[in-house]
N, C-alpha and C. Protein backbone atom coordinates (compact mmCIF):
# COMPACT_ATOMS: atom_id res chain seq x y z
N UNK A 1 10.72 -15.86 56.12
CA UNK A 1 10.72 -14.15 56.28
C UNK A 1 9.65 -13.97 56.92
N UNK A 2 9.37 -12.94 58.27
CA UNK A 2 8.83 -12.29 58.93
C UNK A 2 8.85 -11.20 59.12
N UNK A 3 7.63 -10.41 59.18
CA UNK A 3 7.85 -9.14 59.86
C UNK A 3 7.74 -8.19 58.81
N UNK A 4 8.80 -7.34 58.55
CA UNK A 4 9.19 -6.16 57.84
C UNK A 4 10.16 -6.96 56.96
N UNK A 5 10.62 -7.80 56.95
CA UNK A 5 11.29 -7.98 55.78
C UNK A 5 11.05 -9.14 54.59
N UNK A 6 11.98 -8.20 53.97
CA UNK A 6 11.46 -8.45 52.30
C UNK A 6 12.71 -9.40 51.59
N UNK A 7 12.14 -9.68 50.29
CA UNK A 7 12.91 -11.16 49.81
C UNK A 7 13.86 -9.95 49.08
N UNK A 8 15.14 -10.58 49.03
CA UNK A 8 16.15 -10.14 48.50
C UNK A 8 15.52 -10.25 46.75
N UNK A 9 15.84 -9.17 46.12
CA UNK A 9 15.12 -9.43 44.43
C UNK A 9 16.64 -9.71 43.64
N UNK A 10 16.30 -11.01 42.81
CA UNK A 10 17.59 -11.15 42.14
C UNK A 10 17.74 -9.91 41.15
N UNK A 11 19.42 -10.09 40.75
CA UNK A 11 19.64 -9.06 39.72
C UNK A 11 19.62 -9.25 38.71
N UNK A 12 18.91 -8.30 37.99
CA UNK A 12 18.97 -8.48 36.41
C UNK A 12 20.13 -8.21 35.78
N UNK A 13 19.76 -9.28 34.93
CA UNK A 13 21.12 -9.93 34.22
C UNK A 13 20.97 -9.31 32.84
N UNK A 14 21.84 -9.04 32.49
CA UNK A 14 21.79 -7.51 31.02
C UNK A 14 21.79 -9.19 30.09
N UNK A 15 21.45 -8.58 28.72
CA UNK A 15 20.91 -9.56 28.14
C UNK A 15 22.59 -9.53 27.32
N UNK A 16 22.70 -10.52 26.81
CA UNK A 16 23.61 -10.97 25.85
C UNK A 16 23.81 -9.76 25.03
N UNK A 17 24.76 -9.78 24.11
CA UNK A 17 25.00 -8.88 22.76
C UNK A 17 24.36 -9.83 21.64
N UNK A 18 24.59 -11.14 21.19
CA UNK A 18 24.03 -11.59 20.68
C UNK A 18 22.39 -12.00 20.73
N UNK A 19 21.98 -11.80 22.32
CA UNK A 19 20.20 -11.94 22.20
C UNK A 19 19.56 -10.34 22.19
N UNK A 20 20.42 -9.34 21.99
CA UNK A 20 20.05 -8.06 21.92
C UNK A 20 20.44 -8.01 20.09
N UNK A 21 21.09 -8.43 19.81
CA UNK A 21 21.04 -8.52 18.08
C UNK A 21 20.30 -8.89 17.36
N UNK A 22 20.29 -10.25 18.22
CA UNK A 22 18.79 -10.85 17.39
C UNK A 22 17.46 -10.20 17.69
N UNK A 23 16.97 -9.83 18.65
CA UNK A 23 15.78 -9.08 18.83
C UNK A 23 15.55 -7.72 18.03
N UNK A 24 16.80 -7.19 17.68
CA UNK A 24 16.97 -6.01 17.06
C UNK A 24 16.64 -6.55 15.44
N UNK A 25 17.38 -7.19 14.87
CA UNK A 25 16.77 -8.12 13.75
C UNK A 25 15.56 -8.24 13.42
N UNK A 26 15.37 -9.15 14.56
CA UNK A 26 14.03 -9.13 14.59
C UNK A 26 12.68 -8.18 14.45
N UNK A 27 12.72 -7.16 15.15
CA UNK A 27 12.36 -6.00 14.89
C UNK A 27 12.30 -5.00 13.57
N UNK A 28 13.60 -5.56 12.92
CA UNK A 28 13.72 -4.52 11.87
C UNK A 28 13.38 -5.39 11.05
N UNK A 29 13.33 -6.64 10.82
CA UNK A 29 12.56 -7.66 9.78
C UNK A 29 11.26 -7.46 9.44
N UNK A 30 10.46 -7.27 10.82
CA UNK A 30 9.04 -7.03 10.74
C UNK A 30 8.52 -5.97 10.78
N UNK A 31 9.10 -5.06 10.63
CA UNK A 31 8.29 -3.80 10.45
C UNK A 31 9.12 -3.66 8.45
N UNK A 32 10.20 -3.84 8.49
CA UNK A 32 10.33 -4.17 6.80
C UNK A 32 8.96 -4.98 5.73
N UNK A 33 9.11 -6.12 6.61
CA UNK A 33 7.90 -7.03 5.96
C UNK A 33 6.46 -6.22 5.84
N UNK A 34 6.11 -5.69 7.06
CA UNK A 34 4.45 -4.86 7.29
C UNK A 34 4.78 -3.85 6.52
N UNK A 35 5.78 -2.79 5.92
CA UNK A 35 6.02 -2.02 5.19
C UNK A 35 5.74 -2.43 3.56
N UNK A 36 6.83 -3.28 3.27
CA UNK A 36 6.60 -3.62 1.80
C UNK A 36 5.67 -5.01 0.99
N UNK A 37 5.80 -5.71 2.54
CA UNK A 37 4.68 -6.69 2.20
C UNK A 37 3.57 -6.73 2.26
N UNK A 38 3.12 -5.51 2.55
CA UNK A 38 1.29 -5.02 1.89
C UNK A 38 1.18 -5.25 1.17
N UNK A 39 1.82 -4.95 0.65
CA UNK A 39 1.32 -4.46 -1.13
C UNK A 39 0.85 -2.83 -1.43
N UNK A 40 0.84 -2.21 -0.67
CA UNK A 40 -0.44 -1.09 -0.09
C UNK A 40 1.03 0.23 -0.16
N UNK A 41 0.16 1.76 -0.56
CA UNK A 41 0.87 2.61 -0.25
C UNK A 41 -0.03 3.90 -0.37
N UNK A 42 0.33 4.63 0.68
CA UNK A 42 -0.54 5.72 1.07
C UNK A 42 -0.66 6.72 0.11
N UNK A 43 -1.78 7.22 0.00
CA UNK A 43 -2.21 8.68 -0.79
C UNK A 43 -1.24 9.25 -0.90
N UNK A 44 -0.17 9.37 -0.13
CA UNK A 44 0.56 10.74 -0.22
C UNK A 44 2.22 9.95 -1.31
N UNK A 45 2.29 8.38 -0.71
CA UNK A 45 3.09 7.83 -1.41
C UNK A 45 3.26 7.73 -2.71
N UNK A 46 1.95 7.88 -2.84
CA UNK A 46 1.26 7.12 -4.18
C UNK A 46 1.74 8.48 -5.32
N UNK A 47 1.27 9.50 -4.44
CA UNK A 47 0.85 10.72 -5.30
C UNK A 47 2.51 11.27 -5.56
N UNK A 48 3.67 11.09 -4.79
CA UNK A 48 5.34 11.25 -4.70
C UNK A 48 5.71 10.37 -5.97
N UNK A 49 5.40 9.26 -5.95
CA UNK A 49 5.62 8.12 -7.18
C UNK A 49 5.54 8.36 -8.47
N UNK A 50 4.28 8.82 -8.20
CA UNK A 50 3.74 9.54 -10.02
C UNK A 50 4.82 11.18 -10.24
N UNK A 51 4.62 11.68 -8.98
CA UNK A 51 5.63 13.20 -9.47
C UNK A 51 6.63 12.66 -10.21
N UNK A 52 7.20 11.83 -9.62
CA UNK A 52 8.68 11.47 -9.62
C UNK A 52 8.80 10.50 -10.82
N UNK A 53 7.77 10.22 -11.64
CA UNK A 53 8.17 8.94 -12.80
C UNK A 53 8.11 7.94 -12.82
N UNK A 54 8.07 7.38 -11.35
CA UNK A 54 8.40 5.89 -11.08
C UNK A 54 7.45 5.24 -10.76
N UNK A 55 6.15 5.70 -10.88
CA UNK A 55 4.69 4.91 -10.61
C UNK A 55 3.89 5.31 -11.48
N UNK A 56 3.15 4.43 -11.61
CA UNK A 56 1.50 4.78 -12.68
C UNK A 56 0.39 4.32 -11.69
N UNK A 57 -0.64 5.50 -11.40
CA UNK A 57 -1.31 5.12 -10.93
C UNK A 57 -2.89 5.00 -11.37
N UNK A 58 -3.10 3.69 -11.92
CA UNK A 58 -4.20 3.21 -12.34
C UNK A 58 -6.02 3.62 -11.74
N UNK A 59 -6.55 4.67 -12.15
CA UNK A 59 -8.17 5.05 -11.49
C UNK A 59 -9.12 3.65 -11.60
N UNK A 60 -9.53 3.04 -11.37
CA UNK A 60 -9.93 1.25 -11.44
C UNK A 60 -11.72 2.02 -11.39
N UNK A 61 -12.04 2.67 -11.26
CA UNK A 61 -13.61 3.44 -11.07
C UNK A 61 -14.29 3.28 -12.07
N UNK A 62 -15.53 3.57 -11.85
CA UNK A 62 -16.43 3.34 -13.13
C UNK A 62 -16.41 5.41 -13.86
N UNK A 63 -16.38 5.35 -14.67
CA UNK A 63 -17.20 6.83 -15.57
C UNK A 63 -17.62 7.40 -14.37
N UNK A 64 -18.70 7.29 -14.07
CA UNK A 64 -19.67 8.06 -13.14
C UNK A 64 -18.89 8.61 -11.81
N UNK A 65 -17.93 7.66 -11.10
CA UNK A 65 -17.23 7.95 -10.33
C UNK A 65 -16.07 9.02 -10.41
N UNK A 66 -15.75 8.70 -11.53
CA UNK A 66 -14.42 9.85 -12.45
C UNK A 66 -15.15 11.15 -12.58
N UNK A 67 -16.47 10.85 -12.83
CA UNK A 67 -17.45 12.70 -13.05
C UNK A 67 -17.63 13.01 -11.62
N UNK A 68 -17.88 11.85 -10.61
CA UNK A 68 -18.19 12.73 -9.36
C UNK A 68 -17.04 13.03 -8.58
N UNK A 69 -15.57 12.68 -8.59
CA UNK A 69 -14.80 13.37 -7.46
C UNK A 69 -13.47 14.34 -8.51
N UNK A 70 -13.40 13.46 -9.80
CA UNK A 70 -12.24 13.75 -10.56
C UNK A 70 -11.29 12.34 -10.42
N UNK A 71 -10.04 12.51 -10.76
CA UNK A 71 -9.15 11.48 -11.13
C UNK A 71 -7.85 12.10 -10.59
N UNK A 72 -6.99 11.32 -9.69
CA UNK A 72 -6.01 11.80 -9.51
C UNK A 72 -5.28 12.07 -10.52
N UNK A 73 -4.56 13.15 -10.14
CA UNK A 73 -3.78 14.16 -11.13
C UNK A 73 -2.59 13.22 -11.90
N UNK A 74 -2.75 12.42 -12.96
CA UNK A 74 -1.51 11.77 -13.24
C UNK A 74 -1.61 10.55 -13.62
N UNK A 75 -3.40 10.02 -13.15
CA UNK A 75 -3.33 8.78 -13.41
C UNK A 75 -4.09 8.19 -14.36
N UNK A 76 -4.23 7.12 -14.74
CA UNK A 76 -4.73 6.40 -16.35
C UNK A 76 -6.22 6.04 -15.58
N UNK A 77 -7.05 6.05 -16.51
CA UNK A 77 -8.08 5.77 -15.84
C UNK A 77 -8.70 3.84 -16.85
N UNK A 78 -9.36 3.23 -16.05
CA UNK A 78 -9.25 1.73 -16.55
C UNK A 78 -10.58 1.67 -15.49
N UNK A 79 -11.64 1.50 -16.37
CA UNK A 79 -12.71 0.66 -15.27
C UNK A 79 -13.02 -0.47 -15.53
N UNK A 80 -12.61 -1.10 -13.81
CA UNK A 80 -12.36 -2.45 -13.32
C UNK A 80 -13.82 -3.47 -14.36
N UNK A 81 -14.76 -2.65 -14.46
CA UNK A 81 -15.90 -3.42 -14.60
C UNK A 81 -15.85 -3.81 -16.41
N UNK A 82 -14.92 -3.02 -17.02
CA UNK A 82 -15.41 -2.84 -18.45
C UNK A 82 -14.68 -3.86 -18.92
N UNK A 83 -15.37 -4.64 -20.14
CA UNK A 83 -14.87 -5.91 -21.10
C UNK A 83 -13.11 -5.83 -21.26
N UNK A 84 -12.55 -6.76 -21.34
CA UNK A 84 -10.96 -6.55 -21.09
C UNK A 84 -10.06 -6.08 -20.55
N UNK A 85 -10.76 -5.99 -19.46
CA UNK A 85 -10.06 -5.20 -18.52
C UNK A 85 -8.60 -5.50 -18.04
N UNK A 86 -8.33 -7.09 -17.67
CA UNK A 86 -7.36 -7.38 -17.57
C UNK A 86 -6.23 -7.26 -18.88
N UNK A 87 -6.52 -7.39 -19.92
CA UNK A 87 -5.73 -7.11 -21.65
C UNK A 87 -5.38 -5.91 -21.23
N UNK A 88 -5.96 -5.01 -21.30
CA UNK A 88 -6.24 -3.36 -21.32
C UNK A 88 -5.10 -3.23 -19.79
N UNK A 89 -5.10 -3.88 -18.84
CA UNK A 89 -4.16 -3.92 -17.63
C UNK A 89 -2.46 -4.03 -18.15
N UNK A 90 -2.63 -5.41 -19.19
CA UNK A 90 -1.03 -5.82 -19.59
C UNK A 90 -0.96 -5.17 -20.33
N UNK A 91 -1.19 -4.59 -21.48
CA UNK A 91 -0.97 -3.55 -22.08
C UNK A 91 -0.40 -2.30 -21.69
N UNK A 92 -0.92 -1.69 -20.46
CA UNK A 92 -0.05 -0.69 -19.76
C UNK A 92 0.90 -1.00 -19.39
N UNK A 93 0.77 -1.85 -18.87
CA UNK A 93 2.15 -2.83 -18.07
C UNK A 93 3.86 -2.35 -19.09
N UNK A 94 3.03 -3.54 -20.25
CA UNK A 94 3.68 -3.95 -21.25
C UNK A 94 4.34 -2.32 -21.69
N UNK A 95 3.49 -1.18 -22.04
CA UNK A 95 3.92 0.41 -22.67
C UNK A 95 4.41 0.85 -21.51
N UNK A 96 5.06 0.45 -19.97
CA UNK A 96 5.25 1.35 -19.09
C UNK A 96 6.17 0.43 -18.41
N UNK A 97 7.60 0.04 -19.08
CA UNK A 97 8.19 -1.21 -18.51
C UNK A 97 9.20 -0.20 -17.21
N UNK A 98 9.24 -1.42 -16.22
CA UNK A 98 9.88 -0.71 -15.27
C UNK A 98 9.33 0.41 -13.91
N UNK A 99 7.91 0.46 -14.58
CA UNK A 99 7.18 1.22 -13.10
C UNK A 99 6.43 0.58 -12.73
N UNK A 100 6.37 0.27 -11.70
CA UNK A 100 5.22 0.05 -10.36
C UNK A 100 3.80 0.67 -10.71
N UNK A 101 2.65 -0.65 -10.44
CA UNK A 101 1.74 0.05 -11.13
C UNK A 101 0.79 0.37 -9.07
N UNK A 102 0.34 1.35 -9.57
CA UNK A 102 -1.05 0.98 -8.20
C UNK A 102 -2.51 1.37 -8.41
N UNK A 103 -3.01 0.51 -8.08
CA UNK A 103 -4.52 0.54 -8.56
C UNK A 103 -5.22 1.42 -7.43
N UNK A 104 -6.08 2.23 -7.89
CA UNK A 104 -7.03 2.98 -6.59
C UNK A 104 -8.88 3.07 -6.98
N UNK A 105 -9.02 2.87 -6.33
CA UNK A 105 -10.95 2.84 -6.54
C UNK A 105 -11.44 3.75 -5.35
N UNK A 106 -12.49 3.54 -5.01
CA UNK A 106 -13.26 4.50 -4.32
C UNK A 106 -12.73 4.63 -2.38
N UNK A 107 -12.74 3.36 -2.12
CA UNK A 107 -12.23 3.45 -1.15
C UNK A 107 -11.15 2.38 -0.20
N UNK A 108 -10.84 1.56 -1.13
CA UNK A 108 -9.39 1.05 -1.27
C UNK A 108 -10.08 -0.92 -1.12
N UNK A 109 -11.36 -1.38 -0.95
CA UNK A 109 -11.18 -2.49 -1.01
C UNK A 109 -11.41 -3.71 -2.37
N UNK A 110 -12.13 -2.59 -3.54
CA UNK A 110 -12.30 -3.45 -4.66
C UNK A 110 -10.75 -3.54 -4.93
N UNK A 111 -9.92 -2.33 -4.81
CA UNK A 111 -8.60 -2.50 -5.48
C UNK A 111 -7.90 -3.60 -4.87
N UNK A 112 -8.25 -3.98 -3.89
CA UNK A 112 -7.44 -5.14 -2.72
C UNK A 112 -7.74 -6.30 -3.05
N UNK A 113 -9.23 -6.44 -3.53
CA UNK A 113 -9.35 -7.66 -3.87
C UNK A 113 -9.21 -8.24 -5.29
N UNK A 114 -9.33 -6.90 -6.14
CA UNK A 114 -8.48 -7.13 -7.68
C UNK A 114 -7.32 -7.39 -7.75
N UNK A 115 -6.34 -7.02 -6.56
CA UNK A 115 -5.07 -7.29 -6.65
C UNK A 115 -4.98 -8.43 -6.20
N UNK A 116 -5.86 -8.90 -5.31
CA UNK A 116 -5.40 -10.61 -4.60
C UNK A 116 -5.95 -11.31 -5.70
N UNK A 117 -6.90 -11.43 -6.78
CA UNK A 117 -7.21 -11.66 -7.54
C UNK A 117 -5.96 -11.69 -8.58
N UNK A 118 -5.67 -10.99 -9.17
CA UNK A 118 -4.48 -10.97 -10.17
C UNK A 118 -3.39 -11.19 -10.06
N UNK A 119 -2.57 -11.45 -8.28
CA UNK A 119 -1.70 -11.71 -7.78
C UNK A 119 -1.35 -13.41 -8.01
N UNK A 120 -2.92 -13.80 -8.00
CA UNK A 120 -3.30 -15.89 -8.07
C UNK A 120 -2.96 -15.64 -9.82
N UNK A 121 -2.96 -14.97 -10.56
CA UNK A 121 -2.78 -15.15 -11.89
C UNK A 121 -1.53 -14.62 -12.69
N UNK A 122 -0.48 -15.08 -11.14
CA UNK A 122 1.11 -14.25 -11.63
C UNK A 122 1.08 -12.87 -11.35
N UNK A 123 0.54 -11.79 -11.06
CA UNK A 123 0.79 -10.29 -11.38
C UNK A 123 0.77 -10.13 -10.15
N UNK A 124 2.18 -9.97 -9.64
CA UNK A 124 3.29 -9.91 -8.51
C UNK A 124 3.47 -8.34 -8.28
N UNK A 125 3.49 -7.90 -9.14
CA UNK A 125 4.18 -6.55 -8.76
C UNK A 125 2.70 -5.31 -8.83
N UNK A 126 1.52 -5.62 -8.12
CA UNK A 126 0.93 -4.98 -8.18
C UNK A 126 0.97 -4.41 -6.64
N UNK A 127 0.32 -2.82 -6.56
CA UNK A 127 0.08 -2.11 -5.02
C UNK A 127 -1.17 -1.74 -5.04
N UNK A 128 -1.72 -1.31 -3.98
CA UNK A 128 -2.90 -0.63 -4.14
C UNK A 128 -2.85 0.71 -3.20
N UNK A 129 -4.18 1.85 -2.99
CA UNK A 129 -3.61 2.70 -2.54
C UNK A 129 -4.25 2.99 -1.45
N UNK A 130 -3.89 2.98 -0.20
CA UNK A 130 -5.00 2.67 0.61
C UNK A 130 -5.73 3.96 1.34
N UNK A 131 -6.91 3.87 1.33
CA UNK A 131 -7.83 4.65 1.30
C UNK A 131 -8.66 5.10 0.23
N UNK A 132 -8.29 4.43 -1.09
CA UNK A 132 -8.63 4.81 -2.67
C UNK A 132 -8.69 6.57 -2.29
N UNK A 133 -9.28 6.74 -2.91
CA UNK A 133 -10.26 8.48 -3.63
C UNK A 133 -11.04 9.20 -2.22
N UNK A 134 -12.07 8.19 -1.66
CA UNK A 134 -12.80 8.49 -0.50
C UNK A 134 -12.07 8.60 0.87
N UNK A 135 -12.13 6.97 0.90
CA UNK A 135 -11.59 6.68 2.31
C UNK A 135 -10.76 7.70 3.79
N UNK A 136 -10.75 6.81 4.54
CA UNK A 136 -9.95 7.69 5.28
C UNK A 136 -8.50 7.77 5.01
N UNK A 137 -7.64 8.77 4.57
CA UNK A 137 -6.24 8.68 4.44
C UNK A 137 -6.22 8.75 2.69
N UNK A 138 -7.05 8.77 2.09
CA UNK A 138 -7.15 8.25 0.72
C UNK A 138 -7.21 10.14 0.51
N UNK A 139 -6.95 10.03 -1.06
CA UNK A 139 -6.81 10.49 -2.07
C UNK A 139 -6.94 11.95 -1.74
N UNK A 140 -8.32 12.00 -1.99
CA UNK A 140 -8.90 13.50 -1.44
C UNK A 140 -9.26 14.24 -0.05
N UNK A 141 -9.14 13.03 1.17
CA UNK A 141 -8.76 13.37 2.23
C UNK A 141 -6.97 13.65 2.70
N UNK A 142 -6.34 13.52 1.79
CA UNK A 142 -4.94 14.10 2.01
C UNK A 142 -4.92 15.30 0.96
N UNK A 143 -5.89 15.41 0.29
CA UNK A 143 -5.88 17.16 -0.46
C UNK A 143 -5.21 16.86 -1.60
N UNK A 144 -4.93 15.76 -2.35
CA UNK A 144 -4.25 15.37 -3.05
C UNK A 144 -4.81 16.02 -4.59
N UNK A 145 -4.11 16.52 -5.46
CA UNK A 145 -4.38 17.27 -6.64
C UNK A 145 -5.10 16.25 -7.74
N UNK A 146 -6.16 16.45 -8.02
CA UNK A 146 -7.22 15.76 -9.07
C UNK A 146 -7.54 16.78 -10.52
N UNK A 147 -7.64 15.57 -11.48
CA UNK A 147 -8.14 16.42 -12.59
C UNK A 147 -9.56 15.72 -12.96
N UNK A 148 -10.56 16.79 -13.75
CA UNK A 148 -11.74 16.34 -13.89
C UNK A 148 -11.55 15.03 -15.31
């Protein structure tokens, strides 16, 4: 080919229906796994779950932190650093069968670490609140209700 001639472009082949469906299924499965498999809830989702009576939020910060910022409305207080924390958490779970439990801390890191530690001991149903109380997207930044 010389001069101003251009190479003819190959015609785009349409995707087969089977390939298209497989691609769409992959996208849906990946999004579902991302949304459910992460083990986290947004602060708004946690608030809505508590309001609906389907979720227990447990504030695992220290009493001083509770005093500084308040506690999410409807949350239970259980200091993760206190003696017997895991036993008391198990008691809460037994007292509230069928409800999911979400852990909330200051910014999300300690809750995620504790969730992973407890998952290794068989606790598969715990989730954490992304951003905790003070982090980006957390309870206070979303202006959700707190109690003293």
